[in-house]
Amino acid sequence: MATTRRVSDSSAASKRWYATGRRKEATARVYISQGTGTITVNNRELAEYLRRPTLEMVVNEPFGVIEQMGQFDVKISVAGGGLAGQAGAIRHGISRALTVFSPELRPALKAAGLLTRDPRAKERKKYGRSAARARFQFSKR
């Protein structure tokens, strides 16, 4: 299981829940707390950081599944990979953090496939070839 922990400050009203999400080469550290629905990625707004509406939909998918859109503030630190991989890592991290917040949400998130770490990654280049599977042009004569 991934590193999940509850982070709390001195006051009970400012509780935060933490989880790590991964996808391809990207890793996202996600902190959620109950609030107004603001999502901050690397100290920037979500729309400003991702720049594509489809990636914003990917990030907001866990909240749509549990039907609690706009009820959590999310602070994310993400590194590695490209924008699509980072969006997938954020989605994975948010889903895991929601299960730490409330274990009753786990069956709904699991049924939607949001708790599964996608194992697909870039295939390594092999020797004697120009890429992972592409070969150099063959000449019969």
Protein backbone atom coordinates (compact mmCIF):
# COMPACT_ATOMS: atom_id res chain seq x y z
CA MET A 1 0.00 0.00 0.00
CA ALA A 2 1.16 3.53 -0.65
CA THR A 3 2.18 6.01 1.96
CA THR A 4 -1.02 7.43 3.37
CA ARG A 5 -1.27 9.45 6.53
CA ARG A 6 -3.49 11.98 8.21
CA VAL A 7 -1.80 15.33 8.66
CA SER A 8 -3.36 17.59 11.25
CA ASP A 9 -2.49 21.00 12.64
CA SER A 10 -3.21 22.26 16.15
CA SER A 11 -6.86 23.07 15.43
CA ALA A 12 -9.39 20.35 14.65
CA ALA A 13 -11.00 22.44 11.87
CA SER A 14 -7.89 22.37 9.66
CA LYS A 15 -7.43 18.61 9.17
CA ARG A 16 -5.67 17.44 6.03
CA TRP A 17 -5.41 13.98 4.52
CA TYR A 18 -2.41 12.92 2.44
CA ALA A 19 -1.79 10.34 -0.27
CA THR A 20 0.64 9.72 -3.10
CA GLY A 21 -0.45 9.04 -6.68
CA ARG A 22 1.65 7.75 -9.57
CA ARG A 23 1.26 7.38 -13.35
CA LYS A 24 4.03 6.72 -15.90
CA GLU A 25 7.00 8.79 -14.64
CA ALA A 26 4.88 11.30 -12.68
CA THR A 27 4.45 11.37 -8.89
CA ALA A 28 1.86 13.53 -7.15
CA ARG A 29 1.73 14.34 -3.43
CA VAL A 30 -1.89 15.22 -2.63
CA TYR A 31 -3.24 16.95 0.48
CA ILE A 32 -7.03 17.27 0.77
CA SER A 33 -9.07 19.15 3.34
CA GLN A 34 -12.73 20.03 3.56
CA GLY A 35 -13.37 23.40 1.96
CA THR A 36 -14.69 25.24 -1.07
CA GLY A 37 -13.30 23.19 -3.95
CA THR A 38 -10.09 25.03 -4.88
CA ILE A 39 -7.44 22.84 -6.50
CA THR A 40 -3.86 24.13 -6.45
CA VAL A 41 -1.09 22.35 -8.39
CA ASN A 42 2.49 23.46 -7.70
CA ASN A 43 1.18 26.80 -6.32
CA ARG A 44 -0.86 27.47 -9.49
CA GLU A 45 -4.55 27.08 -10.28
CA LEU A 46 -5.56 23.77 -11.90
CA ALA A 47 -6.76 25.35 -15.17
CA GLU A 48 -3.59 27.43 -15.44
CA TYR A 49 -1.31 24.45 -14.79
CA LEU A 50 -2.93 21.75 -16.98
CA ARG A 51 -4.17 24.05 -19.81
CA ARG A 52 -6.47 21.35 -21.30
CA PRO A 53 -10.12 20.84 -20.30
CA THR A 54 -9.84 17.07 -20.82
CA LEU A 55 -7.05 16.85 -18.25
CA GLU A 56 -9.14 18.90 -15.80
CA MET A 57 -11.95 16.37 -16.27
CA VAL A 58 -9.49 13.56 -15.48
CA VAL A 59 -8.41 15.29 -12.25
CA ASN A 60 -12.01 15.99 -11.13
CA GLU A 61 -13.23 12.44 -11.87
CA PRO A 62 -12.90 11.10 -8.27
CA PHE A 63 -15.12 13.89 -6.94
CA GLY A 64 -17.74 13.14 -9.62
CA VAL A 65 -17.77 9.45 -8.71
CA ILE A 66 -18.47 10.14 -5.02
CA GLU A 67 -20.79 13.07 -5.92
CA GLN A 68 -18.99 15.58 -3.72
CA MET A 69 -17.80 18.09 -6.31
CA GLY A 70 -16.54 21.34 -4.77
CA GLN A 71 -16.46 20.16 -1.16
CA PHE A 72 -12.69 19.64 -0.80
CA ASP A 73 -9.69 21.92 -1.10
CA VAL A 74 -6.79 20.11 -2.75
CA LYS A 75 -3.11 21.10 -2.61
CA ILE A 76 -0.88 19.13 -4.93
CA SER A 77 2.84 18.89 -5.53
CA VAL A 78 3.58 16.97 -8.73
CA ALA A 79 6.85 16.20 -10.50
CA GLY A 80 8.09 14.09 -13.41
CA GLY A 81 6.52 13.03 -16.68
CA GLY A 82 4.32 15.11 -18.95
CA LEU A 83 0.97 16.78 -18.41
CA ALA A 84 -1.14 13.69 -19.16
CA GLY A 85 0.92 11.51 -16.81
CA GLN A 86 0.77 14.18 -14.12
CA ALA A 87 -3.03 14.44 -14.47
CA GLY A 88 -3.29 10.66 -14.03
CA ALA A 89 -1.02 10.79 -10.98
CA ILE A 90 -3.12 13.58 -9.46
CA ARG A 91 -6.32 11.59 -10.03
CA HIS A 92 -4.76 8.53 -8.40
CA GLY A 93 -3.56 10.60 -5.44
CA ILE A 94 -6.92 12.30 -4.91
CA SER A 95 -8.68 8.92 -4.97
CA ARG A 96 -6.30 7.50 -2.38
CA ALA A 97 -6.58 10.58 -0.17
CA LEU A 98 -10.38 10.33 -0.27
CA THR A 99 -10.17 6.73 0.99
CA VAL A 100 -7.97 7.91 3.87
CA PHE A 101 -10.52 10.65 4.59
CA SER A 102 -13.47 8.22 4.53
CA PRO A 103 -12.99 4.44 4.06
CA GLU A 104 -16.69 4.14 3.08
CA LEU A 105 -15.83 5.80 -0.25
CA ARG A 106 -13.44 2.99 -1.21
CA PRO A 107 -15.99 0.64 -2.94
CA ALA A 108 -17.29 3.40 -5.24
CA LEU A 109 -13.78 4.57 -6.18
CA LYS A 110 -12.59 0.99 -6.68
CA ALA A 111 -15.58 0.15 -8.91
CA ALA A 112 -14.69 3.15 -11.10
CA GLY A 113 -11.09 1.89 -11.33
CA LEU A 114 -9.59 4.98 -9.72
CA LEU A 115 -7.57 3.20 -7.01
CA THR A 116 -5.63 1.01 -9.44
CA ARG A 117 -2.14 2.22 -10.33
CA ASP A 118 -1.88 2.08 -14.13
CA PRO A 119 1.24 -0.05 -14.77
CA ARG A 120 1.75 1.05 -18.38
CA ALA A 121 5.04 2.85 -18.91
CA LYS A 122 7.44 3.62 -21.76
CA GLU A 123 9.05 0.49 -23.16
CA ARG A 124 12.82 0.50 -23.11
CA LYS A 125 14.92 0.76 -26.27
CA LYS A 126 16.55 -2.53 -27.30
CA TYR A 127 20.00 -2.93 -28.81
CA GLY A 128 20.14 -3.51 -32.56
CA ARG A 129 16.99 -1.45 -33.08
CA SER A 130 16.26 2.22 -33.57
CA ALA A 131 13.58 2.29 -30.84
CA ALA A 132 11.73 -0.10 -28.54
CA ARG A 133 10.12 -2.03 -31.41
CA ALA A 134 11.07 -0.15 -34.59
CA ARG A 135 13.86 -1.73 -36.60
CA PHE A 136 16.36 -0.23 -38.98
CA GLN A 137 15.32 -0.41 -42.63
CA PHE A 138 15.93 -3.84 -44.15
CA SER A 139 17.72 -4.14 -47.48
CA LYS A 140 17.56 -7.50 -49.21
CA ARG A 141 20.44 -6.73 -51.62
